[in-house]
Amino acid sequence: MNPGSSMKAWIQASRAPFFVATLIPLGLGGALSWRMGVWSLGRWMIVLTGSFLVHLATNLANDYFEYFEGVDDGDSIGGSRVIQEGKISPSRIGTAIVVLYILALCCGMWILYLSRLWGLALLMVFAFGSSLFYTAPPIRYGYYGLGEIFVGINMGPVMVVGSNAALAGRFTFEAFWVSIPIALMVAMILYYQSLSDIDDDRAVGKITLAVRFGKPGAIWGVRFFMAASVMSIVALVGYGILKPISYISLLTIIQALRIDRMINLTADWKQLHDKGSAVRLFYLANGIIVIIGVF
């Protein structure tokens, strides 16, 4: 494999379009710190680097462990499929996972040294465990319909509260409250991506929320997440935590209706896999609105 092809394979394995899920909560944590007058670009960049390393390691670990479980074999469209397509060997993926976690640990230790906020260590341990054991045995909590809960907690409270605390040197309730819509929307992204895998996941015993609901009822999960996300932003404005400009979030109901219509008009749900940009756009728009509301 030539260097260009190898780079393309690793980009495919990274699933870069989903990195927005990490960028928004860290941007929100940084915005809160800015408002508190304790912004530090250098420290924020270390937090950003460590978080992206963990996100990338999570994606690779998902590919690695599900390959050995046979989850993404055959006609399955889950994961990045770089192993199934012979672009990257399992051993190289495994090595990359170890290296990424070690580099992320170095970033975490440096943040602990700078902030002297040792409670951050608990958030880091939780983030590492839930990152690895999403698909890794013996826990594999993603196989029991718990993926959305843990991903929401990690991308919401853990990242927003953690990044804000790393910069501010203390934990705040405000960071927790503004993380709620972020948690709901990231959980929605994962839930939506599982819709196209309902039949394949059920066949290998991976019982996601979408599998539990079944195809007729699964669309209501997307509707719940979209409605709850917008309602939580409106509630945060009502309680004075976000500025009134965040009422703009109500306009994203138009995008929510488009997503709902798209799902309803898609007969073969496997095709939803390549239409996830609509859901990520909903998340990106509302995420930016929340950040602006903090400023």
C-alpha atoms as a PDB file:
ATOM      1  CA  MET A   1       0.000   0.000   0.000  1.00  0.00           C
ATOM      2  CA  ASN A   2       1.435   3.381  -1.023  1.00  0.00           C
ATOM      3  CA  PRO A   3       1.656   6.220   1.533  1.00  0.00           C
ATOM      4  CA  GLY A   4      -1.307   8.065  -0.008  1.00  0.00           C
ATOM      5  CA  SER A   5      -3.549   5.019   0.203  1.00  0.00           C
ATOM      6  CA  SER A   6      -2.394   4.338   3.760  1.00  0.00           C
ATOM      7  CA  MET A   7      -3.262   7.891   4.826  1.00  0.00           C
ATOM      8  CA  LYS A   8      -6.699   7.598   3.232  1.00  0.00           C
ATOM      9  CA  ALA A   9      -7.260   4.336   5.095  1.00  0.00           C
ATOM     10  CA  TRP A  10      -6.432   5.924   8.463  1.00  0.00           C
ATOM     11  CA  ILE A  11      -8.687   8.888   7.676  1.00  0.00           C
ATOM     12  CA  GLN A  12     -11.454   6.406   6.874  1.00  0.00           C
ATOM     13  CA  ALA A  13     -10.776   4.601  10.159  1.00  0.00           C
ATOM     14  CA  SER A  14     -10.898   7.863  12.121  1.00  0.00           C
ATOM     15  CA  ARG A  15     -14.477   8.658  11.017  1.00  0.00           C
ATOM     16  CA  ALA A  16     -13.523  12.336  11.041  1.00  0.00           C
ATOM     17  CA  PRO A  17     -17.042  13.742  10.378  1.00  0.00           C
ATOM     18  CA  PHE A  18     -18.003  12.652  13.894  1.00  0.00           C
ATOM     19  CA  PHE A  19     -15.230  14.719  15.508  1.00  0.00           C
ATOM     20  CA  VAL A  20     -17.693  17.601  15.677  1.00  0.00           C
ATOM     21  CA  ALA A  21     -19.205  15.675  18.594  1.00  0.00           C
ATOM     22  CA  THR A  22     -16.010  16.398  20.551  1.00  0.00           C
ATOM     23  CA  LEU A  23     -15.346  19.921  19.290  1.00  0.00           C
ATOM     24  CA  ILE A  24     -18.691  21.392  20.429  1.00  0.00           C
ATOM     25  CA  PRO A  25     -18.540  20.414  24.144  1.00  0.00           C
ATOM     26  CA  LEU A  26     -14.904  21.520  24.397  1.00  0.00           C
ATOM     27  CA  GLY A  27     -15.801  24.796  22.712  1.00  0.00           C
ATOM     28  CA  LEU A  28     -18.615  25.208  25.215  1.00  0.00           C
ATOM     29  CA  GLY A  29     -16.303  24.510  28.154  1.00  0.00           C
ATOM     30  CA  GLY A  30     -13.875  27.069  26.760  1.00  0.00           C
ATOM     31  CA  ALA A  31     -16.654  29.640  26.280  1.00  0.00           C
ATOM     32  CA  LEU A  32     -17.699  29.265  29.916  1.00  0.00           C
ATOM     33  CA  SER A  33     -14.103  29.774  31.016  1.00  0.00           C
ATOM     34  CA  TRP A  34     -13.830  32.874  28.842  1.00  0.00           C
ATOM     35  CA  ARG A  35     -16.940  34.301  30.498  1.00  0.00           C
ATOM     36  CA  MET A  36     -15.419  33.539  33.896  1.00  0.00           C
ATOM     37  CA  GLY A  37     -12.276  35.423  32.885  1.00  0.00           C
ATOM     38  CA  VAL A  38      -9.942  32.427  33.164  1.00  0.00           C
ATOM     39  CA  TRP A  39      -9.339  31.572  29.518  1.00  0.00           C
ATOM     40  CA  SER A  40      -6.035  29.941  28.568  1.00  0.00           C
ATOM     41  CA  LEU A  41      -5.507  29.019  24.927  1.00  0.00           C
ATOM     42  CA  GLY A  42      -2.525  26.784  25.659  1.00  0.00           C
ATOM     43  CA  ARG A  43      -4.314  24.784  28.335  1.00  0.00           C
ATOM     44  CA  TRP A  44      -7.452  24.507  26.191  1.00  0.00           C
ATOM     45  CA  MET A  45      -5.388  23.150  23.299  1.00  0.00           C
ATOM     46  CA  ILE A  46      -3.979  20.428  25.563  1.00  0.00           C
ATOM     47  CA  VAL A  47      -7.516  19.477  26.628  1.00  0.00           C
ATOM     48  CA  LEU A  48      -8.599  19.521  22.980  1.00  0.00           C
ATOM     49  CA  THR A  49      -5.686  17.319  21.901  1.00  0.00           C
ATOM     50  CA  GLY A  50      -6.234  14.764  24.662  1.00  0.00           C
ATOM     51  CA  SER A  51      -9.966  14.583  23.990  1.00  0.00           C
ATOM     52  CA  PHE A  52      -9.503  14.077  20.254  1.00  0.00           C
ATOM     53  CA  LEU A  53      -6.948  11.338  20.926  1.00  0.00           C
ATOM     54  CA  VAL A  54      -9.486   9.521  23.114  1.00  0.00           C
ATOM     55  CA  HIS A  55     -12.227  10.010  20.509  1.00  0.00           C
ATOM     56  CA  LEU A  56      -9.995   8.543  17.805  1.00  0.00           C
ATOM     57  CA  ALA A  57      -8.945   5.671  20.058  1.00  0.00           C
ATOM     58  CA  THR A  58     -12.630   4.955  20.768  1.00  0.00           C
ATOM     59  CA  ASN A  59     -13.437   4.737  17.064  1.00  0.00           C
ATOM     60  CA  LEU A  60     -10.494   2.416  16.408  1.00  0.00           C
ATOM     61  CA  ALA A  61     -11.336   0.264  19.441  1.00  0.00           C
ATOM     62  CA  ASN A  62     -14.876  -0.079  18.160  1.00  0.00           C
ATOM     63  CA  ASP A  63     -13.555  -1.360  14.821  1.00  0.00           C
ATOM     64  CA  TYR A  64     -11.002  -3.629  16.521  1.00  0.00           C
ATOM     65  CA  PHE A  65     -13.237  -5.427  18.986  1.00  0.00           C
ATOM     66  CA  GLU A  66     -16.263  -5.669  16.702  1.00  0.00           C
ATOM     67  CA  TYR A  67     -14.044  -7.229  14.038  1.00  0.00           C
ATOM     68  CA  PHE A  68     -13.242 -10.114  16.384  1.00  0.00           C
ATOM     69  CA  GLU A  69     -16.920 -10.400  17.317  1.00  0.00           C
ATOM     70  CA  GLY A  70     -17.868 -10.581  13.629  1.00  0.00           C
ATOM     71  CA  VAL A  71     -20.318  -7.709  14.058  1.00  0.00           C
ATOM     72  CA  ASP A  72     -19.304  -5.840  10.887  1.00  0.00           C
ATOM     73  CA  ASP A  73     -18.782  -8.860   8.643  1.00  0.00           C
ATOM     74  CA  GLY A  74     -20.574  -9.571   5.384  1.00  0.00           C
ATOM     75  CA  ASP A  75     -23.002  -6.924   4.173  1.00  0.00           C
ATOM     76  CA  SER A  76     -22.927  -4.969   7.422  1.00  0.00           C
ATOM     77  CA  ILE A  77     -22.282  -1.248   7.003  1.00  0.00           C
ATOM     78  CA  GLY A  78     -21.258  -0.517  10.595  1.00  0.00           C
ATOM     79  CA  GLY A  79     -17.864   0.837  11.619  1.00  0.00           C
ATOM     80  CA  SER A  80     -15.258   2.185   9.233  1.00  0.00           C
ATOM     81  CA  ARG A  81     -14.688  -1.289   7.659  1.00  0.00           C
ATOM     82  CA  VAL A  82     -10.961  -0.680   7.099  1.00  0.00           C
ATOM     83  CA  ILE A  83     -10.156  -4.098   8.583  1.00  0.00           C
ATOM     84  CA  GLN A  84     -12.829  -5.926   6.568  1.00  0.00           C
ATOM     85  CA  GLU A  85     -11.611  -4.235   3.379  1.00  0.00           C
ATOM     86  CA  GLY A  86      -8.018  -5.229   4.111  1.00  0.00           C
ATOM     87  CA  LYS A  87      -6.765  -1.645   4.276  1.00  0.00           C
ATOM     88  CA  ILE A  88      -5.360  -1.827   7.818  1.00  0.00           C
ATOM     89  CA  SER A  89      -4.510  -4.993   9.725  1.00  0.00           C
ATOM     90  CA  PRO A  90      -6.041  -5.677  13.167  1.00  0.00           C
ATOM     91  CA  SER A  91      -2.566  -5.655  14.726  1.00  0.00           C
ATOM     92  CA  ARG A  92      -1.839  -2.158  13.429  1.00  0.00           C
ATOM     93  CA  ILE A  93      -5.203  -0.950  14.704  1.00  0.00           C
ATOM     94  CA  GLY A  94      -4.421  -2.492  18.099  1.00  0.00           C
ATOM     95  CA  THR A  95      -1.031  -0.786  18.236  1.00  0.00           C
ATOM     96  CA  ALA A  96      -2.576   2.564  17.300  1.00  0.00           C
ATOM     97  CA  ILE A  97      -5.146   2.229  20.095  1.00  0.00           C
ATOM     98  CA  VAL A  98      -2.423   1.705  22.718  1.00  0.00           C
ATOM     99  CA  VAL A  99      -0.351   4.631  21.421  1.00  0.00           C
ATOM    100  CA  LEU A 100      -3.350   6.969  21.331  1.00  0.00           C
ATOM    101  CA  TYR A 101      -4.382   6.141  24.892  1.00  0.00           C
ATOM    102  CA  ILE A 102      -0.813   6.672  26.140  1.00  0.00           C
ATOM    103  CA  LEU A 103      -0.611  10.071  24.420  1.00  0.00           C
ATOM    104  CA  ALA A 104      -4.031  11.022  25.833  1.00  0.00           C
ATOM    105  CA  LEU A 105      -2.816   9.989  29.301  1.00  0.00           C
ATOM    106  CA  CYS A 106       0.167  12.317  28.935  1.00  0.00           C
ATOM    107  CA  CYS A 107      -2.180  15.195  28.070  1.00  0.00           C
ATOM    108  CA  GLY A 108      -4.362  14.341  31.059  1.00  0.00           C
ATOM    109  CA  MET A 109      -1.443  14.204  33.476  1.00  0.00           C
ATOM    110  CA  TRP A 110      -0.199  17.571  32.227  1.00  0.00           C
ATOM    111  CA  ILE A 111      -3.636  19.120  32.757  1.00  0.00           C
ATOM    112  CA  LEU A 112      -3.767  17.706  36.284  1.00  0.00           C
ATOM    113  CA  TYR A 113      -0.329  19.183  36.982  1.00  0.00           C
ATOM    114  CA  LEU A 114      -1.334  22.614  35.678  1.00  0.00           C
ATOM    115  CA  SER A 115      -4.779  22.806  37.280  1.00  0.00           C
ATOM    116  CA  ARG A 116      -4.013  21.020  40.572  1.00  0.00           C
ATOM    117  CA  LEU A 117      -7.660  19.919  40.400  1.00  0.00           C
ATOM    118  CA  TRP A 118      -7.275  16.260  41.240  1.00  0.00           C
ATOM    119  CA  GLY A 119     -11.000  15.575  40.946  1.00  0.00           C
ATOM    120  CA  LEU A 120     -10.459  15.721  37.187  1.00  0.00           C
ATOM    121  CA  ALA A 121      -8.697  12.366  37.508  1.00  0.00           C
ATOM    122  CA  LEU A 122     -12.054  10.717  38.262  1.00  0.00           C
ATOM    123  CA  LEU A 123     -13.562  12.148  35.065  1.00  0.00           C
ATOM    124  CA  MET A 124     -10.536  10.968  33.094  1.00  0.00           C
ATOM    125  CA  VAL A 125     -10.791   7.424  34.452  1.00  0.00           C
ATOM    126  CA  PHE A 126     -14.506   7.333  33.652  1.00  0.00           C
ATOM    127  CA  ALA A 127     -13.855   8.653  30.139  1.00  0.00           C
ATOM    128  CA  PHE A 128     -11.144   6.053  29.502  1.00  0.00           C
ATOM    129  CA  GLY A 129     -13.225   3.154  30.824  1.00  0.00           C
ATOM    130  CA  SER A 130     -16.339   4.068  28.893  1.00  0.00           C
ATOM    131  CA  SER A 131     -14.265   4.733  25.771  1.00  0.00           C
ATOM    132  CA  LEU A 132     -12.601   1.314  25.805  1.00  0.00           C
ATOM    133  CA  PHE A 133     -15.410  -0.866  27.122  1.00  0.00           C
ATOM    134  CA  TYR A 134     -18.084   0.350  24.724  1.00  0.00           C
ATOM    135  CA  THR A 135     -17.309  -2.745  22.662  1.00  0.00           C
ATOM    136  CA  ALA A 136     -14.363  -4.308  24.524  1.00  0.00           C
ATOM    137  CA  PRO A 137     -14.992  -7.444  26.626  1.00  0.00           C
ATOM    138  CA  PRO A 138     -15.906  -8.271  29.260  1.00  0.00           C
ATOM    139  CA  ILE A 139     -18.230  -5.277  29.718  1.00  0.00           C
ATOM    140  CA  ARG A 140     -19.289  -4.300  26.160  1.00  0.00           C
ATOM    141  CA  TYR A 141     -22.019  -2.012  27.463  1.00  0.00           C
ATOM    142  CA  GLY A 142     -22.870  -0.955  23.889  1.00  0.00           C
ATOM    143  CA  TYR A 143     -24.347  -4.415  23.391  1.00  0.00           C
ATOM    144  CA  TYR A 144     -26.964  -3.853  26.092  1.00  0.00           C
ATOM    145  CA  GLY A 145     -28.601  -0.613  24.980  1.00  0.00           C
ATOM    146  CA  LEU A 146     -26.390   1.584  27.176  1.00  0.00           C
ATOM    147  CA  GLY A 147     -24.358   3.247  24.439  1.00  0.00           C
ATOM    148  CA  GLU A 148     -26.449   6.408  24.228  1.00  0.00           C
ATOM    149  CA  ILE A 149     -26.368   6.919  27.994  1.00  0.00           C
ATOM    150  CA  PHE A 150     -22.599   6.629  28.348  1.00  0.00           C
ATOM    151  CA  VAL A 151     -21.806   8.575  25.176  1.00  0.00           C
ATOM    152  CA  GLY A 152     -24.173  11.333  26.290  1.00  0.00           C
ATOM    153  CA  ILE A 153     -22.532  11.511  29.714  1.00  0.00           C
ATOM    154  CA  ASN A 154     -19.031  11.583  28.221  1.00  0.00           C
ATOM    155  CA  MET A 155     -19.660  14.123  25.472  1.00  0.00           C
ATOM    156  CA  GLY A 156     -21.922  16.185  27.709  1.00  0.00           C
ATOM    157  CA  PRO A 157     -21.120  16.597  31.427  1.00  0.00           C
ATOM    158  CA  VAL A 158     -17.676  14.958  31.380  1.00  0.00           C
ATOM    159  CA  MET A 159     -16.302  17.057  28.526  1.00  0.00           C
ATOM    160  CA  VAL A 160     -18.065  20.344  29.267  1.00  0.00           C
ATOM    161  CA  VAL A 161     -17.590  20.242  33.044  1.00  0.00           C
ATOM    162  CA  GLY A 162     -14.103  18.767  32.709  1.00  0.00           C
ATOM    163  CA  SER A 163     -12.788  21.246  30.138  1.00  0.00           C
ATOM    164  CA  ASN A 164     -14.277  24.181  32.043  1.00  0.00           C
ATOM    165  CA  ALA A 165     -12.768  22.933  35.321  1.00  0.00           C
ATOM    166  CA  ALA A 166      -9.374  22.351  33.699  1.00  0.00           C
ATOM    167  CA  LEU A 167      -9.320  26.007  32.664  1.00  0.00           C
ATOM    168  CA  ALA A 168     -11.076  27.585  35.643  1.00  0.00           C
ATOM    169  CA  GLY A 169      -9.515  25.439  38.367  1.00  0.00           C
ATOM    170  CA  ARG A 170     -12.900  24.584  39.896  1.00  0.00           C
ATOM    171  CA  PHE A 171     -16.114  22.740  39.096  1.00  0.00           C
ATOM    172  CA  THR A 172     -19.304  24.716  38.396  1.00  0.00           C
ATOM    173  CA  PHE A 173     -22.979  23.784  38.285  1.00  0.00           C
ATOM    174  CA  GLU A 174     -23.423  26.111  35.332  1.00  0.00           C
ATOM    175  CA  ALA A 175     -21.150  23.908  33.217  1.00  0.00           C
ATOM    176  CA  PHE A 176     -23.239  20.878  34.137  1.00  0.00           C
ATOM    177  CA  TRP A 177     -26.542  22.492  33.191  1.00  0.00           C
ATOM    178  CA  VAL A 178     -25.384  23.775  29.792  1.00  0.00           C
ATOM    179  CA  SER A 179     -23.970  20.321  29.013  1.00  0.00           C
ATOM    180  CA  ILE A 180     -27.436  18.716  29.048  1.00  0.00           C
ATOM    181  CA  PRO A 181     -28.527  19.637  25.497  1.00  0.00           C
ATOM    182  CA  ILE A 182     -25.088  18.597  24.237  1.00  0.00           C
ATOM    183  CA  ALA A 183     -25.442  15.203  25.922  1.00  0.00           C
ATOM    184  CA  LEU A 184     -28.883  14.697  24.383  1.00  0.00           C
ATOM    185  CA  MET A 185     -27.729  15.580  20.882  1.00  0.00           C
ATOM    186  CA  VAL A 186     -24.600  13.427  20.912  1.00  0.00           C
ATOM    187  CA  ALA A 187     -26.699  10.517  22.181  1.00  0.00           C
ATOM    188  CA  MET A 188     -29.036  11.221  19.269  1.00  0.00           C
ATOM    189  CA  ILE A 189     -26.177  10.967  16.765  1.00  0.00           C
ATOM    190  CA  LEU A 190     -25.210   7.533  18.079  1.00  0.00           C
ATOM    191  CA  TYR A 191     -28.837   6.433  18.190  1.00  0.00           C
ATOM    192  CA  TYR A 192     -29.469   7.588  14.620  1.00  0.00           C
ATOM    193  CA  GLN A 193     -26.393   5.745  13.331  1.00  0.00           C
ATOM    194  CA  SER A 194     -27.710   2.549  14.920  1.00  0.00           C
ATOM    195  CA  LEU A 195     -30.941   2.684  12.887  1.00  0.00           C
ATOM    196  CA  SER A 196     -29.209   1.449   9.741  1.00  0.00           C
ATOM    197  CA  ASP A 197     -27.697  -1.467  11.696  1.00  0.00           C
ATOM    198  CA  ILE A 198     -30.866  -2.774  13.372  1.00  0.00           C
ATOM    199  CA  ASP A 199     -31.023  -6.068  11.464  1.00  0.00           C
ATOM    200  CA  ASP A 200     -27.261  -6.706  11.550  1.00  0.00           C
ATOM    201  CA  ASP A 201     -26.999  -5.889  15.262  1.00  0.00           C
ATOM    202  CA  ARG A 202     -29.944  -8.108  16.135  1.00  0.00           C
ATOM    203  CA  ALA A 203     -28.397 -10.983  14.181  1.00  0.00           C
ATOM    204  CA  VAL A 204     -25.191 -10.921  16.272  1.00  0.00           C
ATOM    205  CA  GLY A 205     -26.903 -10.298  19.599  1.00  0.00           C
ATOM    206  CA  LYS A 206     -26.036  -6.606  19.891  1.00  0.00           C
ATOM    207  CA  ILE A 207     -29.135  -5.218  21.591  1.00  0.00           C
ATOM    208  CA  THR A 208     -29.018  -1.465  21.014  1.00  0.00           C
ATOM    209  CA  LEU A 209     -31.890   0.849  21.901  1.00  0.00           C
ATOM    210  CA  ALA A 210     -32.991   0.809  18.264  1.00  0.00           C
ATOM    211  CA  VAL A 211     -33.051  -2.998  18.305  1.00  0.00           C
ATOM    212  CA  ARG A 212     -35.131  -2.936  21.492  1.00  0.00           C
ATOM    213  CA  PHE A 213     -37.648  -0.535  19.959  1.00  0.00           C
ATOM    214  CA  GLY A 214     -37.794  -2.316  16.601  1.00  0.00           C
ATOM    215  CA  LYS A 215     -38.139  -0.544  13.272  1.00  0.00           C
ATOM    216  CA  PRO A 216     -41.753   0.644  13.737  1.00  0.00           C
ATOM    217  CA  GLY A 217     -40.979   2.369  17.032  1.00  0.00           C
ATOM    218  CA  ALA A 218     -37.331   3.347  16.544  1.00  0.00           C
ATOM    219  CA  ILE A 219     -38.140   6.646  14.840  1.00  0.00           C
ATOM    220  CA  TRP A 220     -39.701   7.855  18.094  1.00  0.00           C
ATOM    221  CA  GLY A 221     -36.271   7.719  19.690  1.00  0.00           C
ATOM    222  CA  VAL A 222     -34.969  10.277  17.174  1.00  0.00           C
ATOM    223  CA  ARG A 223     -38.038  12.433  17.769  1.00  0.00           C
ATOM    224  CA  PHE A 224     -37.501  12.299  21.524  1.00  0.00           C
ATOM    225  CA  PHE A 225     -33.855  13.333  21.302  1.00  0.00           C
ATOM    226  CA  MET A 226     -34.563  16.207  18.904  1.00  0.00           C
ATOM    227  CA  ALA A 227     -37.486  17.547  20.936  1.00  0.00           C
ATOM    228  CA  ALA A 228     -35.676  17.177  24.262  1.00  0.00           C
ATOM    229  CA  SER A 229     -32.583  18.938  22.888  1.00  0.00           C
ATOM    230  CA  VAL A 230     -34.476  22.034  21.756  1.00  0.00           C
ATOM    231  CA  MET A 231     -36.669  22.090  24.874  1.00  0.00           C
ATOM    232  CA  SER A 232     -33.632  21.900  27.155  1.00  0.00           C
ATOM    233  CA  ILE A 233     -32.031  24.888  25.413  1.00  0.00           C
ATOM    234  CA  VAL A 234     -35.262  26.888  25.768  1.00  0.00           C
ATOM    235  CA  ALA A 235     -35.429  25.897  29.456  1.00  0.00           C
ATOM    236  CA  LEU A 236     -31.842  27.066  30.031  1.00  0.00           C
ATOM    237  CA  VAL A 237     -32.762  30.450  28.574  1.00  0.00           C
ATOM    238  CA  GLY A 238     -35.833  30.568  30.796  1.00  0.00           C
ATOM    239  CA  TYR A 239     -33.698  29.976  33.883  1.00  0.00           C
ATOM    240  CA  GLY A 240     -31.241  32.672  32.802  1.00  0.00           C
ATOM    241  CA  ILE A 241     -28.328  30.278  32.248  1.00  0.00           C
ATOM    242  CA  LEU A 242     -28.203  31.032  28.514  1.00  0.00           C
ATOM    243  CA  LYS A 243     -28.776  34.424  26.914  1.00  0.00           C
ATOM    244  CA  PRO A 244     -32.113  35.016  25.100  1.00  0.00           C
ATOM    245  CA  ILE A 245     -30.339  34.777  21.726  1.00  0.00           C
ATOM    246  CA  SER A 246     -30.400  31.006  22.242  1.00  0.00           C
ATOM    247  CA  TYR A 247     -34.121  31.043  21.483  1.00  0.00           C
ATOM    248  CA  ILE A 248     -32.866  30.840  17.888  1.00  0.00           C
ATOM    249  CA  SER A 249     -32.676  27.120  18.611  1.00  0.00           C
ATOM    250  CA  LEU A 250     -36.415  26.997  17.906  1.00  0.00           C
ATOM    251  CA  LEU A 251     -35.597  27.533  14.217  1.00  0.00           C
ATOM    252  CA  THR A 252     -33.805  24.176  14.127  1.00  0.00           C
ATOM    253  CA  ILE A 253     -37.212  22.539  14.484  1.00  0.00           C
ATOM    254  CA  ILE A 254     -37.320  22.967  10.700  1.00  0.00           C
ATOM    255  CA  GLN A 255     -34.248  20.739  10.383  1.00  0.00           C
ATOM    256  CA  ALA A 256     -35.782  18.294  12.851  1.00  0.00           C
ATOM    257  CA  LEU A 257     -38.861  18.003  10.656  1.00  0.00           C
ATOM    258  CA  ARG A 258     -36.653  17.398   7.630  1.00  0.00           C
ATOM    259  CA  ILE A 259     -34.842  14.596   9.455  1.00  0.00           C
ATOM    260  CA  ASP A 260     -38.151  13.053  10.481  1.00  0.00           C
ATOM    261  CA  ARG A 261     -39.422  13.188   6.897  1.00  0.00           C
ATOM    262  CA  MET A 262     -36.147  11.766   5.574  1.00  0.00           C
ATOM    263  CA  ILE A 263     -36.399   8.735   7.862  1.00  0.00           C
ATOM    264  CA  ASN A 264     -40.050   8.177   6.989  1.00  0.00           C
ATOM    265  CA  LEU A 265     -39.361   8.316   3.251  1.00  0.00           C
ATOM    266  CA  THR A 266     -36.377   5.941   3.416  1.00  0.00           C
ATOM    267  CA  ALA A 267     -37.696   2.428   2.815  1.00  0.00           C
ATOM    268  CA  ASP A 268     -34.329   0.698   3.240  1.00  0.00           C
ATOM    269  CA  TRP A 269     -32.897   1.985   6.510  1.00  0.00           C
ATOM    270  CA  LYS A 270     -29.402   0.915   5.492  1.00  0.00           C
ATOM    271  CA  GLN A 271     -29.429   4.029   3.320  1.00  0.00           C
ATOM    272  CA  LEU A 272     -29.738   6.170   6.447  1.00  0.00           C
ATOM    273  CA  HIS A 273     -26.070   5.436   7.168  1.00  0.00           C
ATOM    274  CA  ASP A 274     -24.997   7.849   4.418  1.00  0.00           C
ATOM    275  CA  LYS A 275     -27.542  10.525   5.366  1.00  0.00           C
ATOM    276  CA  GLY A 276     -26.250  11.193   8.862  1.00  0.00           C
ATOM    277  CA  SER A 277     -24.967  14.651   7.903  1.00  0.00           C
ATOM    278  CA  ALA A 278     -28.507  15.961   8.432  1.00  0.00           C
ATOM    279  CA  VAL A 279     -28.387  14.878  12.096  1.00  0.00           C
ATOM    280  CA  ARG A 280     -24.864  16.235  12.582  1.00  0.00           C
ATOM    281  CA  LEU A 281     -26.005  19.576  11.113  1.00  0.00           C
ATOM    282  CA  PHE A 282     -28.819  19.726  13.699  1.00  0.00           C
ATOM    283  CA  TYR A 283     -26.245  19.113  16.422  1.00  0.00           C
ATOM    284  CA  LEU A 284     -23.718  21.590  15.037  1.00  0.00           C
ATOM    285  CA  ALA A 285     -26.304  24.373  14.701  1.00  0.00           C
ATOM    286  CA  ASN A 286     -27.667  23.933  18.216  1.00  0.00           C
ATOM    287  CA  GLY A 287     -24.188  23.469  19.668  1.00  0.00           C
ATOM    288  CA  ILE A 288     -23.057  26.779  18.215  1.00  0.00           C
ATOM    289  CA  ILE A 289     -26.257  28.414  19.463  1.00  0.00           C
ATOM    290  CA  VAL A 290     -25.539  27.206  22.998  1.00  0.00           C
ATOM    291  CA  ILE A 291     -21.949  28.480  22.808  1.00  0.00           C
ATOM    292  CA  ILE A 292     -23.160  31.876  21.584  1.00  0.00           C
ATOM    293  CA  GLY A 293     -25.748  31.880  24.375  1.00  0.00           C
ATOM    294  CA  VAL A 294     -22.955  31.438  26.916  1.00  0.00           C
ATOM    295  CA  PHE A 295     -20.938  34.321  25.482  1.00  0.00           C
END
